[in-house]
Every structure is written in structure tokens, then in C-alpha cells.
Amino acid sequence: MKDEIANHRFDSLSRMHKLLDIPAPMHPLVSLINNASGTIPLERLPSPHILNFYKISYKMNFQGKFKYGQHYYDFDEGGMFFVSPNQITGAHEALSDQSGYTLLFHPDFLLGYELARKIKEYGFFSYSVHEALHLSEKEKTTIIAVFESIEEELNGRIDNFSQDVVISQIELLLNYANRFYSRQFITRKAVSSDLLQKVEEVLHTYFKSPNIQKQGLPTVQFLSEQLNVSASYLGDMLRSLTGQNAQQHIHNHLIEKAKEQLSTNPASISEIAYQLGFEHPQSFSKFFKLKTTMSPLDFRRSFN
């Protein structure tokens, strides 16, 4: 499997263009593949494969699943997805319709620009399961217009301003994606609320477990795996609903459990710290005081 993936690594945009039998990109570090007509044979791409560059795609009519890393995007009447460099990606099942747009750009294209740093802050490059961006009709028009502007710039005369213009358009595309994902969290509130309820259930069960001392403190990664979503998506979804990220939700449960133990359990502070999953009592005391402004001992004394 490793050898197969190694053979299916795309180190250059030119190699991908050649495989798809389309003209070489005008710029070696960025290209826009316009497949709105659905005539470009994207099925020629090996599955799975790895790209050494960023990929932003909008699939107009595709329905089904698309693999990214160890997980899958679920699409319903098309959508957008975002792939960062060196991620395993590829089709999971036969694709009936791959019409749409695909923007590819190498990280080196961003060097010297603020976007080189900022792009790592866009969480949707780490989304994976059931997390495609589903666009409204108006949003589709907006996104397609940006893709077409990038295409026009890349197909025109390359000059000293071309890189500035394209990078500004890429950032515009990413900012629209941020806005539309925020809208999606709201319009799909039933799904998001259900996920929030499951977050609470998982944490409640975890802190009730008699094995918590052996398991240690729950992590965001553990929580995301239990819910079958990526950590980035989980954090963004929770922030949109509650204003708090996944780590803060874990801490809230931990503090409530600590208060319960300190007020009802006669065990020592150290014993309670271990029972809650802390490796060191000092860490528990520091954490509790940070969150409540009181030491565990002072909190306990307030009940006596």
C-alpha cells in the first residue's frame, strides 16, 4: 500500500495536467481546472493519491463519498472540499458526475505573503467526515464567480501583478468559505444540536467511568473520534453554537465533576485528582484554581 501511494504522489501541477491530457498550467505553482462541462477525465487520477499542493474543489452535481485521509466527505447535490498538502485523497466509489472547478496551488506560491501563515488558520482544511460545504444557489454563483476570476487571471498575460491578484482572490475564496461554513452550522442546526447533545453524552459517560483513573483526562481527539468527526470541525461547530471550543467543553465537565467530588467525597485532594484522571495532584490544584479562582481545599472548606 505504501509503495502504491508513493507511486501516486503528484509533486508538480504539470504532471497532473499531463495525466488528465489538458494543457500545461500557465504558472508552475498554481492552476485552475475548469471542468464545468464535465468533459475532463478526472477518473484517470489514481485512487488513492497524494498532492504536494493545496486543492480547493467545487463539485456541482456529485453525490456520494470522497475519501480524504482516513475518512470520507459525504456529498448531497454537490459541494466544496478542501485538501492540504500531503494528505491522502481519492474516490471511494465510482463518480457519476465530476463537473465543477478545482484550484491547485503549491505552498511555495504563497511565500512572502501573509496568506502563507494565515492559511493554516482555516480549519476546514482539516475537516473530514460529513463535512463538505454545501452551497445555496446564491453562494454557488458567488463561488463560481471567484473561480472564473482566477481562471481569467491565470489565462491572461502573466506580469508582475499576477501573483498579487491571484493570491488576493484565493484569500477571497477562503473568506467566503469561512462565511458559508458559519451559515451552514446555523441552517443545519438540527444536525449540529444533535452533535452537541452527543458531546454532552460522551463526556458525561467518560467522567462517570470507573476507569477514568487509568484512562486519564479526555482529549479533543478522543472526543472527535467518538463522534466520528474531525477535531477541527467539532471545534468550529461548538463555537458556532455555544461560543466555546471542544477543549472548553471538556474543561467545563471536568470542573463540574471536580466540584461534585470535592463537596461529597471525603477522599483527600490528591486522591480526587487521581480519580479525575490527573497524573499529578499539583496539576489538578493549578487547573481548578485557574478555572474557579479558588483552590480545591478552599472550595471544600466552603461547604463545611
Protein backbone atom coordinates (compact mmCIF):
# COMPACT_ATOMS: atom_id res chain seq x y z
CA MET A 1 0.00 0.00 0.00
CA LYS A 2 2.80 2.40 0.86
CA ASP A 3 4.52 1.72 -2.46
CA GLU A 4 1.24 2.23 -4.28
CA ILE A 5 0.66 5.60 -2.62
CA ALA A 6 4.28 6.63 -3.24
CA ASN A 7 3.79 5.95 -6.94
CA HIS A 8 0.65 8.08 -6.91
CA ARG A 9 2.19 11.20 -5.40
CA PHE A 10 1.89 14.34 -7.52
CA ASP A 11 4.90 16.57 -6.98
CA SER A 12 4.02 19.01 -9.74
CA LEU A 13 0.93 20.52 -11.32
CA SER A 14 2.32 19.75 -14.76
CA ARG A 15 2.28 16.02 -14.06
CA MET A 16 -1.39 16.12 -13.09
CA HIS A 17 -2.28 18.18 -16.18
CA LYS A 18 -0.41 15.71 -18.38
CA LEU A 19 -2.25 12.74 -16.86
CA LEU A 20 -5.58 14.47 -17.49
CA ASP A 21 -4.50 15.33 -21.06
CA ILE A 22 -5.13 19.06 -20.61
CA PRO A 23 -2.80 21.99 -21.46
CA ALA A 24 0.09 22.61 -19.08
CA PRO A 25 -0.57 25.28 -16.43
CA MET A 26 0.45 28.82 -17.32
CA HIS A 27 2.13 29.13 -13.91
CA PRO A 28 4.14 26.19 -12.46
CA LEU A 29 2.78 26.73 -8.94
CA VAL A 30 -0.94 27.40 -9.50
CA SER A 31 -3.67 26.24 -11.86
CA LEU A 32 -7.44 26.28 -12.20
CA ILE A 33 -9.07 23.24 -13.79
CA ASN A 34 -12.44 24.23 -15.22
CA ASN A 35 -14.49 21.08 -15.59
CA ALA A 36 -17.91 22.76 -15.60
CA SER A 37 -18.76 20.79 -18.72
CA GLY A 38 -17.70 17.51 -17.11
CA THR A 39 -15.51 16.54 -20.08
CA ILE A 40 -12.12 16.38 -18.33
CA PRO A 41 -11.39 12.71 -17.47
CA LEU A 42 -10.80 13.12 -13.73
CA GLU A 43 -11.37 9.38 -13.34
CA ARG A 44 -7.81 8.98 -14.66
CA LEU A 45 -6.48 10.18 -11.32
CA PRO A 46 -5.25 7.21 -9.30
CA SER A 47 -7.14 6.36 -6.15
CA PRO A 48 -5.82 6.99 -3.64
CA HIS A 49 -3.22 9.65 -4.36
CA ILE A 50 -1.27 12.40 -2.60
CA LEU A 51 -0.85 16.00 -3.71
CA ASN A 52 2.08 18.21 -2.76
CA PHE A 53 -0.16 21.26 -3.04
CA TYR A 54 -3.42 22.72 -1.79
CA LYS A 55 -6.63 21.73 -3.52
CA ILE A 56 -9.96 23.55 -3.38
CA SER A 57 -12.75 21.89 -5.34
CA TYR A 58 -16.37 22.63 -6.05
CA LYS A 59 -18.35 19.65 -7.35
CA MET A 60 -21.59 20.78 -8.97
CA ASN A 61 -23.67 17.61 -9.04
CA PHE A 62 -21.56 14.91 -7.46
CA GLN A 63 -23.35 12.64 -4.99
CA GLY A 64 -21.64 10.00 -2.89
CA LYS A 65 -18.48 9.78 -0.83
CA PHE A 66 -14.99 11.09 -1.36
CA LYS A 67 -12.03 9.89 0.66
CA TYR A 68 -9.72 12.32 2.46
CA GLY A 69 -7.12 10.94 4.85
CA GLN A 70 -8.70 8.00 6.66
CA HIS A 71 -12.22 9.39 6.40
CA TYR A 72 -14.83 10.42 3.84
CA TYR A 73 -16.67 13.52 2.72
CA ASP A 74 -20.38 12.97 2.20
CA PHE A 75 -21.90 14.99 -0.62
CA ASP A 76 -25.54 15.74 -1.30
CA GLU A 77 -26.17 17.57 -4.56
CA GLY A 78 -22.63 18.82 -4.82
CA GLY A 79 -20.41 20.79 -2.51
CA MET A 80 -16.93 22.13 -1.78
CA PHE A 81 -14.00 20.40 -0.14
CA PHE A 82 -10.52 21.48 0.84
CA VAL A 83 -7.33 19.39 0.84
CA SER A 84 -4.00 20.43 2.31
CA PRO A 85 -0.61 19.19 1.01
CA ASN A 86 0.47 15.60 1.69
CA GLN A 87 -3.00 14.30 2.54
CA ILE A 88 -4.15 11.01 1.07
CA THR A 89 -7.18 11.64 -1.09
CA GLY A 90 -9.18 9.80 -3.72
CA ALA A 91 -12.52 8.44 -4.77
CA HIS A 92 -14.21 5.77 -2.66
CA GLU A 93 -16.78 4.80 -5.24
CA ALA A 94 -17.49 5.35 -8.92
CA LEU A 95 -18.20 9.01 -9.62
CA SER A 96 -21.12 9.64 -11.94
CA ASP A 97 -20.51 13.37 -12.29
CA GLN A 98 -17.31 15.31 -11.56
CA SER A 99 -18.27 18.58 -13.18
CA GLY A 100 -17.04 21.65 -11.36
CA TYR A 101 -13.88 23.62 -10.62
CA THR A 102 -10.59 22.66 -8.98
CA LEU A 103 -8.00 25.16 -7.82
CA LEU A 104 -4.49 23.81 -7.18
CA PHE A 105 -1.64 25.83 -5.70
CA HIS A 106 1.73 24.92 -4.21
CA PRO A 107 2.63 26.27 -0.74
CA ASP A 108 5.64 27.99 -2.33
CA PHE A 109 3.23 30.16 -4.32
CA LEU A 110 2.27 31.85 -1.04
CA LEU A 111 5.80 32.52 0.22
CA GLY A 112 6.36 36.14 1.14
CA TYR A 113 2.62 36.73 1.60
CA GLU A 114 0.62 36.84 4.82
CA LEU A 115 -1.62 34.09 3.46
CA ALA A 116 1.29 31.61 3.81
CA ARG A 117 0.78 31.85 7.58
CA LYS A 118 -2.92 32.59 7.65
CA ILE A 119 -3.96 29.61 5.53
CA LYS A 120 -3.09 27.30 8.41
CA GLU A 121 -5.81 29.01 10.46
CA TYR A 122 -8.61 27.91 8.13
CA GLY A 123 -9.94 24.88 9.97
CA PHE A 124 -11.83 23.43 7.03
CA PHE A 125 -8.57 22.13 5.52
CA SER A 126 -8.73 19.59 8.37
CA TYR A 127 -12.41 18.70 8.05
CA SER A 128 -13.14 15.14 7.01
CA VAL A 129 -16.35 13.25 7.73
CA HIS A 130 -19.81 14.54 6.73
CA GLU A 131 -18.25 17.99 6.48
CA ALA A 132 -18.41 19.16 2.89
CA LEU A 133 -19.52 22.76 2.37
CA HIS A 134 -23.00 22.71 0.84
CA LEU A 135 -23.76 25.92 -1.05
CA SER A 136 -27.03 27.72 -1.56
CA GLU A 137 -27.87 28.85 -5.09
CA LYS A 138 -26.68 32.38 -4.33
CA GLU A 139 -23.48 31.07 -2.73
CA LYS A 140 -22.81 28.88 -5.78
CA THR A 141 -22.97 31.96 -8.00
CA THR A 142 -20.50 33.80 -5.73
CA ILE A 143 -18.01 30.91 -5.58
CA ILE A 144 -18.15 30.24 -9.32
CA ALA A 145 -17.51 33.94 -9.99
CA VAL A 146 -14.33 33.81 -7.91
CA PHE A 147 -13.14 30.65 -9.69
CA GLU A 148 -13.80 32.31 -13.05
CA SER A 149 -11.88 35.44 -11.99
CA ILE A 150 -8.89 33.30 -11.03
CA GLU A 151 -9.13 31.43 -14.32
CA GLU A 152 -9.25 34.67 -16.29
CA GLU A 153 -6.19 36.00 -14.48
CA LEU A 154 -4.21 32.79 -15.00
CA ASN A 155 -5.11 32.58 -18.68
CA GLY A 156 -4.20 36.19 -19.31
CA ARG A 157 -0.78 37.74 -19.60
CA ILE A 158 1.40 36.84 -16.61
CA ASP A 159 3.03 40.01 -15.26
CA ASN A 160 4.44 41.43 -12.02
CA PHE A 161 0.95 41.85 -10.57
CA SER A 162 -0.42 38.40 -11.42
CA GLN A 163 0.66 36.71 -8.20
CA ASP A 164 -0.72 39.54 -6.05
CA VAL A 165 -4.07 39.37 -7.83
CA VAL A 166 -4.40 35.56 -7.69
CA ILE A 167 -3.41 35.37 -4.03
CA SER A 168 -5.96 38.05 -3.14
CA GLN A 169 -8.60 36.00 -5.00
CA ILE A 170 -7.58 32.81 -3.19
CA GLU A 171 -7.95 34.63 0.12
CA LEU A 172 -11.34 35.92 -1.00
CA LEU A 173 -12.39 32.35 -1.81
CA LEU A 174 -11.26 31.15 1.64
CA ASN A 175 -13.05 34.00 3.40
CA TYR A 176 -16.27 33.20 1.55
CA ALA A 177 -15.84 29.56 2.59
CA ASN A 178 -15.48 30.69 6.22
CA ARG A 179 -18.68 32.73 5.95
CA PHE A 180 -20.63 29.96 4.24
CA TYR A 181 -19.49 27.31 6.73
CA SER A 182 -20.70 29.60 9.52
CA ARG A 183 -24.06 29.81 7.76
CA GLN A 184 -24.10 26.02 7.36
CA PHE A 185 -23.67 25.48 11.10
CA ILE A 186 -26.77 27.66 11.61
CA THR A 187 -29.00 26.32 8.83
CA ARG A 188 -28.16 22.74 9.76
CA LYS A 189 -28.84 23.49 13.40
CA ALA A 190 -30.80 20.28 13.94
CA VAL A 191 -27.76 18.23 12.95
CA SER A 192 -25.41 20.47 14.94
CA SER A 193 -27.66 20.39 18.01
CA ASP A 194 -27.77 16.62 17.82
CA LEU A 195 -23.98 16.56 17.71
CA LEU A 196 -23.83 18.92 20.70
CA GLN A 197 -26.09 16.58 22.65
CA LYS A 198 -23.81 13.68 21.78
CA VAL A 199 -20.80 15.71 23.00
CA GLU A 200 -22.50 16.08 26.37
CA GLU A 201 -23.40 12.39 26.49
CA VAL A 202 -19.88 11.23 25.65
CA LEU A 203 -18.32 13.49 28.30
CA HIS A 204 -20.92 12.55 30.91
CA THR A 205 -20.23 8.85 30.31
CA TYR A 206 -16.48 9.38 30.36
CA PHE A 207 -16.45 11.18 33.70
CA LYS A 208 -18.79 8.57 35.19
CA SER A 209 -16.47 5.74 34.14
CA PRO A 210 -14.74 3.84 36.96
CA ASN A 211 -11.70 3.54 34.68
CA ILE A 212 -11.05 7.26 34.33
CA GLN A 213 -8.03 7.00 36.63
CA LYS A 214 -6.39 4.63 34.13
CA GLN A 215 -7.69 6.41 31.03
CA GLY A 216 -6.51 9.86 32.05
CA LEU A 217 -8.09 13.13 31.02
CA PRO A 218 -10.20 13.08 27.83
CA THR A 219 -8.71 14.83 24.81
CA VAL A 220 -10.29 16.68 21.92
CA GLN A 221 -9.03 13.92 19.62
CA PHE A 222 -10.78 11.28 21.74
CA LEU A 223 -14.00 13.28 21.64
CA SER A 224 -13.88 13.78 17.87
CA GLU A 225 -13.20 10.07 17.30
CA GLN A 226 -16.17 9.09 19.46
CA LEU A 227 -18.39 11.39 17.41
CA ASN A 228 -16.88 10.42 14.04
CA VAL A 229 -16.00 13.99 13.06
CA SER A 230 -12.68 15.78 12.71
CA ALA A 231 -11.35 17.78 15.64
CA SER A 232 -11.36 20.99 13.59
CA TYR A 233 -14.98 20.61 12.52
CA LEU A 234 -16.05 19.74 16.06
CA GLY A 235 -14.36 22.86 17.44
CA ASP A 236 -15.86 25.18 14.82
CA MET A 237 -19.33 23.68 15.23
CA LEU A 238 -19.25 24.04 19.02
CA ARG A 239 -18.03 27.64 18.80
CA SER A 240 -20.90 28.48 16.44
CA LEU A 241 -23.47 27.01 18.86
CA THR A 242 -22.06 27.81 22.29
CA GLY A 243 -19.15 30.22 21.85
CA GLN A 244 -16.80 27.62 23.34
CA ASN A 245 -14.48 25.14 21.66
CA ALA A 246 -14.19 21.42 22.37
CA GLN A 247 -11.39 21.84 24.92
CA GLN A 248 -13.52 24.30 26.90
CA HIS A 249 -16.43 21.85 26.91
CA ILE A 250 -14.12 19.17 28.31
CA HIS A 251 -12.87 21.57 30.97
CA ASN A 252 -16.44 22.52 31.94
CA HIS A 253 -17.31 18.89 32.56
CA LEU A 254 -14.08 18.34 34.41
CA ILE A 255 -14.72 21.29 36.75
CA GLU A 256 -18.29 20.18 37.45
CA LYS A 257 -17.09 16.67 38.27
CA ALA A 258 -14.32 18.08 40.47
CA LYS A 259 -16.80 20.25 42.38
CA GLU A 260 -19.05 17.26 42.88
CA GLN A 261 -16.19 15.16 44.24
CA LEU A 262 -14.80 17.89 46.49
CA SER A 263 -18.20 18.55 48.05
CA THR A 264 -19.35 14.94 48.54
CA ASN A 265 -16.27 12.69 48.55
CA PRO A 266 -14.27 12.51 51.81
CA ALA A 267 -11.15 11.38 49.92
CA SER A 268 -8.07 13.59 50.01
CA ILE A 269 -7.44 16.24 47.35
CA SER A 270 -4.66 14.07 45.92
CA GLU A 271 -6.92 11.03 45.70
CA ILE A 272 -9.63 13.04 43.96
CA ALA A 273 -7.07 14.40 41.49
CA TYR A 274 -6.06 10.85 40.54
CA GLN A 275 -9.70 9.75 40.34
CA LEU A 276 -10.37 12.55 37.86
CA GLY A 277 -7.52 11.40 35.60
CA PHE A 278 -4.76 13.83 36.61
CA GLU A 279 -1.26 12.40 36.79
CA HIS A 280 -0.17 14.89 39.44
CA PRO A 281 -2.26 16.49 42.24
CA GLN A 282 -0.40 19.78 41.70
CA SER A 283 -1.73 19.92 38.13
CA PHE A 284 -5.27 19.44 39.40
CA SER A 285 -4.93 22.19 42.01
CA LYS A 286 -3.49 24.61 39.48
CA PHE A 287 -6.21 23.81 36.93
CA PHE A 288 -9.04 24.11 39.48
CA LYS A 289 -7.83 27.47 40.79
CA LEU A 290 -7.38 28.79 37.26
CA LYS A 291 -10.98 27.93 36.41
CA THR A 292 -12.67 28.86 39.70
CA THR A 293 -10.24 31.33 41.39
CA MET A 294 -10.33 29.03 44.43
CA SER A 295 -8.02 26.22 45.45
CA PRO A 296 -9.62 22.76 45.80
CA LEU A 297 -9.07 22.93 49.55
CA ASP A 298 -10.72 26.36 49.86
CA PHE A 299 -13.65 25.15 47.76
CA ARG A 300 -14.09 22.11 50.03
CA ARG A 301 -13.89 24.26 53.17
CA SER A 302 -16.68 26.48 51.82
CA PHE A 303 -19.05 23.51 52.25
CA ASN A 304 -18.12 22.94 55.89
